[in-house]
Amino acid sequence: MLFLEILEVIVASLLIVLILLQMQGSGLSGAFGGVGEFYRSKRSMEKFLIAATVITTIAFAIISLLLLIP
């Protein structure tokens, strides 16, 4: 169970970062180029962030449910 607890903290931290990166005009997005200039287009970066956020959220929910099992 200790492994799952550590994994949940890592996934939660990643989820926080992903959500902050999605905030337009604030958060951490300014630290990484703001408008996504280092990617081909802003739209591809937004699609990636949304997909990564959904996958991370699902992983967080599954791990949380697994931790409820005694």
PDB file of N, CA and C in Angstrom:
ATOM      1  N   MET A   1       0.807  -1.190   0.000  1.00  0.00           N
ATOM      2  CA  MET A   1       0.000   0.000   0.000  1.00  0.00           C
ATOM      3  C   MET A   1       0.856   1.262   0.000  1.00  0.00           C
ATOM      4  N   LEU A   2       2.048   1.168   0.530  1.00  0.00           N
ATOM      5  CA  LEU A   2       2.920   2.333   0.548  1.00  0.00           C
ATOM      6  C   LEU A   2       3.243   2.776  -0.874  1.00  0.00           C
ATOM      7  N   PHE A   3       3.405   1.811  -1.767  1.00  0.00           N
ATOM      8  CA  PHE A   3       3.665   2.133  -3.169  1.00  0.00           C
ATOM      9  C   PHE A   3       2.524   2.941  -3.764  1.00  0.00           C
ATOM     10  N   LEU A   4       1.286   2.530  -3.482  1.00  0.00           N
ATOM     11  CA  LEU A   4       0.126   3.245  -4.011  1.00  0.00           C
ATOM     12  C   LEU A   4       0.021   4.655  -3.435  1.00  0.00           C
ATOM     13  N   GLU A   5       0.367   4.808  -2.163  1.00  0.00           N
ATOM     14  CA  GLU A   5       0.320   6.141  -1.545  1.00  0.00           C
ATOM     15  C   GLU A   5       1.346   7.080  -2.188  1.00  0.00           C
ATOM     16  N   ILE A   6       2.526   6.572  -2.422  1.00  0.00           N
ATOM     17  CA  ILE A   6       3.561   7.382  -3.071  1.00  0.00           C
ATOM     18  C   ILE A   6       3.158   7.705  -4.500  1.00  0.00           C
ATOM     19  N   LEU A   7       2.609   6.711  -5.199  1.00  0.00           N
ATOM     20  CA  LEU A   7       2.158   6.918  -6.572  1.00  0.00           C
ATOM     21  C   LEU A   7       1.038   7.962  -6.633  1.00  0.00           C
ATOM     22  N   GLU A   8       0.148   7.933  -5.650  1.00  0.00           N
ATOM     23  CA  GLU A   8      -0.950   8.906  -5.635  1.00  0.00           C
ATOM     24  C   GLU A   8      -0.427  10.330  -5.431  1.00  0.00           C
ATOM     25  N   VAL A   9       0.575  10.504  -4.594  1.00  0.00           N
ATOM     26  CA  VAL A   9       1.157  11.827  -4.392  1.00  0.00           C
ATOM     27  C   VAL A   9       1.810  12.319  -5.681  1.00  0.00           C
ATOM     28  N   ILE A  10       2.490  11.433  -6.382  1.00  0.00           N
ATOM     29  CA  ILE A  10       3.139  11.806  -7.648  1.00  0.00           C
ATOM     30  C   ILE A  10       2.094  12.178  -8.696  1.00  0.00           C
ATOM     31  N   VAL A  11       1.046  11.359  -8.811  1.00  0.00           N
ATOM     32  CA  VAL A  11      -0.011  11.627  -9.790  1.00  0.00           C
ATOM     33  C   VAL A  11      -0.751  12.918  -9.447  1.00  0.00           C
ATOM     34  N   ALA A  12      -0.992  13.158  -8.163  1.00  0.00           N
ATOM     35  CA  ALA A  12      -1.669  14.387  -7.746  1.00  0.00           C
ATOM     36  C   ALA A  12      -0.823  15.612  -8.088  1.00  0.00           C
ATOM     37  N   SER A  13       0.476  15.519  -7.861  1.00  0.00           N
ATOM     38  CA  SER A  13       1.369  16.636  -8.196  1.00  0.00           C
ATOM     39  C   SER A  13       1.386  16.900  -9.697  1.00  0.00           C
ATOM     40  N   LEU A  14       1.423  15.845 -10.467  1.00  0.00           N
ATOM     41  CA  LEU A  14       1.391  15.980 -11.923  1.00  0.00           C
ATOM     42  C   LEU A  14       0.075  16.593 -12.382  1.00  0.00           C
ATOM     43  N   LEU A  15      -1.008  16.195 -11.763  1.00  0.00           N
ATOM     44  CA  LEU A  15      -2.317  16.745 -12.097  1.00  0.00           C
ATOM     45  C   LEU A  15      -2.388  18.240 -11.792  1.00  0.00           C
ATOM     46  N   ILE A  16      -1.831  18.650 -10.685  1.00  0.00           N
ATOM     47  CA  ILE A  16      -1.793  20.078 -10.338  1.00  0.00           C
ATOM     48  C   ILE A  16      -1.013  20.861 -11.386  1.00  0.00           C
ATOM     49  N   VAL A  17       0.131  20.340 -11.776  1.00  0.00           N
ATOM     50  CA  VAL A  17       0.954  21.024 -12.784  1.00  0.00           C
ATOM     51  C   VAL A  17       0.209  21.118 -14.117  1.00  0.00           C
ATOM     52  N   LEU A  18      -0.434  20.039 -14.521  1.00  0.00           N
ATOM     53  CA  LEU A  18      -1.175  20.053 -15.786  1.00  0.00           C
ATOM     54  C   LEU A  18      -2.317  21.067 -15.769  1.00  0.00           C
ATOM     55  N   ILE A  19      -3.006  21.162 -14.653  1.00  0.00           N
ATOM     56  CA  ILE A  19      -4.101  22.123 -14.549  1.00  0.00           C
ATOM     57  C   ILE A  19      -3.561  23.544 -14.574  1.00  0.00           C
ATOM     58  N   LEU A  20      -2.459  23.781 -13.896  1.00  0.00           N
ATOM     59  CA  LEU A  20      -1.871  25.124 -13.907  1.00  0.00           C
ATOM     60  C   LEU A  20      -1.369  25.515 -15.295  1.00  0.00           C
ATOM     61  N   LEU A  21      -0.869  24.559 -16.041  1.00  0.00           N
ATOM     62  CA  LEU A  21      -0.405  24.846 -17.395  1.00  0.00           C
ATOM     63  C   LEU A  21      -1.552  25.213 -18.331  1.00  0.00           C
ATOM     64  N   GLN A  22      -2.750  24.755 -18.021  1.00  0.00           N
ATOM     65  CA  GLN A  22      -3.893  25.048 -18.878  1.00  0.00           C
ATOM     66  C   GLN A  22      -4.457  26.437 -18.648  1.00  0.00           C
ATOM     67  N   MET A  23      -4.155  27.026 -17.509  1.00  0.00           N
ATOM     68  CA  MET A  23      -4.681  28.354 -17.208  1.00  0.00           C
ATOM     69  C   MET A  23      -4.055  29.372 -18.156  1.00  0.00           C
ATOM     70  N   GLN A  24      -4.878  30.076 -18.892  1.00  0.00           N
ATOM     71  CA  GLN A  24      -4.364  31.021 -19.879  1.00  0.00           C
ATOM     72  C   GLN A  24      -4.057  32.356 -19.213  1.00  0.00           C
ATOM     73  N   GLY A  25      -2.860  32.852 -19.474  1.00  0.00           N
ATOM     74  CA  GLY A  25      -2.472  34.158 -18.972  1.00  0.00           C
ATOM     75  C   GLY A  25      -2.003  34.159 -17.533  1.00  0.00           C
ATOM     76  N   SER A  26      -2.021  33.001 -16.855  1.00  0.00           N
ATOM     77  CA  SER A  26      -1.558  32.945 -15.483  1.00  0.00           C
ATOM     78  C   SER A  26      -1.015  31.554 -15.207  1.00  0.00           C
ATOM     79  N   GLY A  27      -0.664  31.327 -13.972  1.00  0.00           N
ATOM     80  CA  GLY A  27      -0.139  30.019 -13.606  1.00  0.00           C
ATOM     81  C   GLY A  27       1.257  29.809 -14.148  1.00  0.00           C
ATOM     82  N   LEU A  28       1.591  28.578 -14.465  1.00  0.00           N
ATOM     83  CA  LEU A  28       2.927  28.247 -14.951  1.00  0.00           C
ATOM     84  C   LEU A  28       3.076  28.401 -16.458  1.00  0.00           C
ATOM     85  N   SER A  29       1.984  28.719 -17.146  1.00  0.00           N
ATOM     86  CA  SER A  29       2.061  28.772 -18.603  1.00  0.00           C
ATOM     87  C   SER A  29       3.043  29.830 -19.086  1.00  0.00           C
ATOM     88  N   GLY A  30       3.179  30.927 -18.361  1.00  0.00           N
ATOM     89  CA  GLY A  30       4.124  31.966 -18.745  1.00  0.00           C
ATOM     90  C   GLY A  30       5.568  31.511 -18.629  1.00  0.00           C
ATOM     91  N   ALA A  31       5.820  30.596 -17.709  1.00  0.00           N
ATOM     92  CA  ALA A  31       7.180  30.102 -17.515  1.00  0.00           C
ATOM     93  C   ALA A  31       7.628  29.197 -18.649  1.00  0.00           C
ATOM     94  N   PHE A  32       6.687  28.647 -19.380  1.00  0.00           N
ATOM     95  CA  PHE A  32       7.018  27.731 -20.464  1.00  0.00           C
ATOM     96  C   PHE A  32       6.646  28.287 -21.824  1.00  0.00           C
ATOM     97  N   GLY A  33       6.800  29.579 -22.009  1.00  0.00           N
ATOM     98  CA  GLY A  33       6.559  30.164 -23.323  1.00  0.00           C
ATOM     99  C   GLY A  33       5.237  30.876 -23.458  1.00  0.00           C
ATOM    100  N   GLY A  34       4.367  30.770 -22.486  1.00  0.00           N
ATOM    101  CA  GLY A  34       3.105  31.510 -22.501  1.00  0.00           C
ATOM    102  C   GLY A  34       2.141  31.056 -23.569  1.00  0.00           C
ATOM    103  N   VAL A  35       2.422  31.392 -24.819  1.00  0.00           N
ATOM    104  CA  VAL A  35       1.492  31.074 -25.900  1.00  0.00           C
ATOM    105  C   VAL A  35       1.861  29.787 -26.609  1.00  0.00           C
ATOM    106  N   GLY A  36       2.837  29.068 -26.110  1.00  0.00           N
ATOM    107  CA  GLY A  36       3.203  27.798 -26.728  1.00  0.00           C
ATOM    108  C   GLY A  36       4.017  27.967 -27.992  1.00  0.00           C
ATOM    109  N   GLU A  37       4.901  28.953 -28.005  1.00  0.00           N
ATOM    110  CA  GLU A  37       5.680  29.250 -29.208  1.00  0.00           C
ATOM    111  C   GLU A  37       6.663  28.147 -29.571  1.00  0.00           C
ATOM    112  N   PHE A  38       7.042  27.324 -28.611  1.00  0.00           N
ATOM    113  CA  PHE A  38       8.015  26.281 -28.904  1.00  0.00           C
ATOM    114  C   PHE A  38       7.355  25.041 -29.494  1.00  0.00           C
ATOM    115  N   TYR A  39       6.067  25.011 -29.589  1.00  0.00           N
ATOM    116  CA  TYR A  39       5.357  23.934 -30.273  1.00  0.00           C
ATOM    117  C   TYR A  39       4.874  24.444 -31.627  1.00  0.00           C
ATOM    118  N   ARG A  40       4.445  23.546 -32.464  1.00  0.00           N
ATOM    119  CA  ARG A  40       4.011  23.936 -33.803  1.00  0.00           C
ATOM    120  C   ARG A  40       2.817  24.869 -33.773  1.00  0.00           C
ATOM    121  N   SER A  41       1.888  24.584 -32.899  1.00  0.00           N
ATOM    122  CA  SER A  41       0.742  25.476 -32.773  1.00  0.00           C
ATOM    123  C   SER A  41       0.218  25.406 -31.354  1.00  0.00           C
ATOM    124  N   LYS A  42      -0.486  26.443 -30.969  1.00  0.00           N
ATOM    125  CA  LYS A  42      -1.063  26.480 -29.636  1.00  0.00           C
ATOM    126  C   LYS A  42      -2.132  25.403 -29.491  1.00  0.00           C
ATOM    127  N   ARG A  43      -2.838  25.144 -30.557  1.00  0.00           N
ATOM    128  CA  ARG A  43      -3.921  24.173 -30.512  1.00  0.00           C
ATOM    129  C   ARG A  43      -3.395  22.767 -30.208  1.00  0.00           C
ATOM    130  N   SER A  44      -2.257  22.375 -30.772  1.00  0.00           N
ATOM    131  CA  SER A  44      -1.718  21.039 -30.499  1.00  0.00           C
ATOM    132  C   SER A  44      -1.272  20.922 -29.039  1.00  0.00           C
ATOM    133  N   MET A  45      -0.748  22.004 -28.487  1.00  0.00           N
ATOM    134  CA  MET A  45      -0.346  22.008 -27.077  1.00  0.00           C
ATOM    135  C   MET A  45      -1.577  21.876 -26.185  1.00  0.00           C
ATOM    136  N   GLU A  46      -2.647  22.583 -26.522  1.00  0.00           N
ATOM    137  CA  GLU A  46      -3.868  22.500 -25.727  1.00  0.00           C
ATOM    138  C   GLU A  46      -4.468  21.095 -25.777  1.00  0.00           C
ATOM    139  N   LYS A  47      -4.457  20.470 -26.936  1.00  0.00           N
ATOM    140  CA  LYS A  47      -4.979  19.105 -27.069  1.00  0.00           C
ATOM    141  C   LYS A  47      -4.177  18.138 -26.217  1.00  0.00           C
ATOM    142  N   PHE A  48      -2.858  18.296 -26.239  1.00  0.00           N
ATOM    143  CA  PHE A  48      -1.999  17.429 -25.439  1.00  0.00           C
ATOM    144  C   PHE A  48      -2.274  17.612 -23.953  1.00  0.00           C
ATOM    145  N   LEU A  49      -2.388  18.867 -23.509  1.00  0.00           N
ATOM    146  CA  LEU A  49      -2.629  19.132 -22.090  1.00  0.00           C
ATOM    147  C   LEU A  49      -3.978  18.584 -21.641  1.00  0.00           C
ATOM    148  N   ILE A  50      -4.996  18.715 -22.473  1.00  0.00           N
ATOM    149  CA  ILE A  50      -6.313  18.198 -22.116  1.00  0.00           C
ATOM    150  C   ILE A  50      -6.278  16.678 -22.018  1.00  0.00           C
ATOM    151  N   ALA A  51      -5.670  16.029 -22.991  1.00  0.00           N
ATOM    152  CA  ALA A  51      -5.584  14.564 -22.975  1.00  0.00           C
ATOM    153  C   ALA A  51      -4.779  14.079 -21.764  1.00  0.00           C
ATOM    154  N   ALA A  52      -3.665  14.739 -21.492  1.00  0.00           N
ATOM    155  CA  ALA A  52      -2.840  14.352 -20.349  1.00  0.00           C
ATOM    156  C   ALA A  52      -3.586  14.565 -19.039  1.00  0.00           C
ATOM    157  N   THR A  53      -4.373  15.636 -18.951  1.00  0.00           N
ATOM    158  CA  THR A  53      -5.149  15.904 -17.744  1.00  0.00           C
ATOM    159  C   THR A  53      -6.225  14.855 -17.530  1.00  0.00           C
ATOM    160  N   VAL A  54      -6.898  14.464 -18.597  1.00  0.00           N
ATOM    161  CA  VAL A  54      -7.941  13.438 -18.483  1.00  0.00           C
ATOM    162  C   VAL A  54      -7.339  12.107 -18.037  1.00  0.00           C
ATOM    163  N   ILE A  55      -6.246  11.712 -18.653  1.00  0.00           N
ATOM    164  CA  ILE A  55      -5.598  10.442 -18.303  1.00  0.00           C
ATOM    165  C   ILE A  55      -5.095  10.470 -16.858  1.00  0.00           C
ATOM    166  N   THR A  56      -4.503  11.583 -16.453  1.00  0.00           N
ATOM    167  CA  THR A  56      -3.993  11.706 -15.087  1.00  0.00           C
ATOM    168  C   THR A  56      -5.132  11.697 -14.075  1.00  0.00           C
ATOM    169  N   THR A  57      -6.256  12.333 -14.411  1.00  0.00           N
ATOM    170  CA  THR A  57      -7.410  12.344 -13.523  1.00  0.00           C
ATOM    171  C   THR A  57      -7.976  10.939 -13.340  1.00  0.00           C
ATOM    172  N   ILE A  58      -8.064  10.198 -14.416  1.00  0.00           N
ATOM    173  CA  ILE A  58      -8.555   8.817 -14.333  1.00  0.00           C
ATOM    174  C   ILE A  58      -7.615   7.968 -13.485  1.00  0.00           C
ATOM    175  N   ALA A  59      -6.313   8.138 -13.688  1.00  0.00           N
ATOM    176  CA  ALA A  59      -5.334   7.392 -12.892  1.00  0.00           C
ATOM    177  C   ALA A  59      -5.452   7.748 -11.413  1.00  0.00           C
ATOM    178  N   PHE A  60      -5.642   9.034 -11.116  1.00  0.00           N
ATOM    179  CA  PHE A  60      -5.793   9.473  -9.732  1.00  0.00           C
ATOM    180  C   PHE A  60      -7.035   8.850  -9.098  1.00  0.00           C
ATOM    181  N   ALA A  61      -8.136   8.816  -9.833  1.00  0.00           N
ATOM    182  CA  ALA A  61      -9.374   8.234  -9.310  1.00  0.00           C
ATOM    183  C   ALA A  61      -9.221   6.740  -9.055  1.00  0.00           C
ATOM    184  N   ILE A  62      -8.583   6.037  -9.971  1.00  0.00           N
ATOM    185  CA  ILE A  62      -8.391   4.594  -9.808  1.00  0.00           C
ATOM    186  C   ILE A  62      -7.499   4.295  -8.605  1.00  0.00           C
ATOM    187  N   ILE A  63      -6.422   5.058  -8.473  1.00  0.00           N
ATOM    188  CA  ILE A  63      -5.517   4.839  -7.334  1.00  0.00           C
ATOM    189  C   ILE A  63      -6.237   5.144  -6.023  1.00  0.00           C
ATOM    190  N   SER A  64      -7.046   6.198  -6.017  1.00  0.00           N
ATOM    191  CA  SER A  64      -7.797   6.540  -4.804  1.00  0.00           C
ATOM    192  C   SER A  64      -8.757   5.421  -4.417  1.00  0.00           C
ATOM    193  N   LEU A  65      -9.420   4.845  -5.410  1.00  0.00           N
ATOM    194  CA  LEU A  65     -10.336   3.737  -5.124  1.00  0.00           C
ATOM    195  C   LEU A  65      -9.579   2.499  -4.638  1.00  0.00           C
ATOM    196  N   LEU A  66      -8.407   2.261  -5.205  1.00  0.00           N
ATOM    197  CA  LEU A  66      -7.604   1.109  -4.762  1.00  0.00           C
ATOM    198  C   LEU A  66      -7.137   1.278  -3.324  1.00  0.00           C
ATOM    199  N   LEU A  67      -6.893   2.511  -2.921  1.00  0.00           N
ATOM    200  CA  LEU A  67      -6.456   2.755  -1.543  1.00  0.00           C
ATOM    201  C   LEU A  67      -7.581   2.548  -0.521  1.00  0.00           C
ATOM    202  N   LEU A  68      -8.817   2.553  -0.975  1.00  0.00           N
ATOM    203  CA  LEU A  68      -9.948   2.313  -0.085  1.00  0.00           C
ATOM    204  C   LEU A  68     -10.093   0.840   0.270  1.00  0.00           C
ATOM    205  N   ILE A  69      -9.530  -0.033  -0.552  1.00  0.00           N
ATOM    206  CA  ILE A  69      -9.617  -1.477  -0.297  1.00  0.00           C
ATOM    207  C   ILE A  69      -8.673  -1.834   0.846  1.00  0.00           C
ATOM    208  N   PRO A  70      -9.205  -2.472   1.891  1.00  0.00           N
ATOM    209  CA  PRO A  70      -8.335  -2.811   3.044  1.00  0.00           C
ATOM    210  C   PRO A  70      -7.363  -3.929   2.749  1.00  0.00           C
TER     211      PRO A  70
END
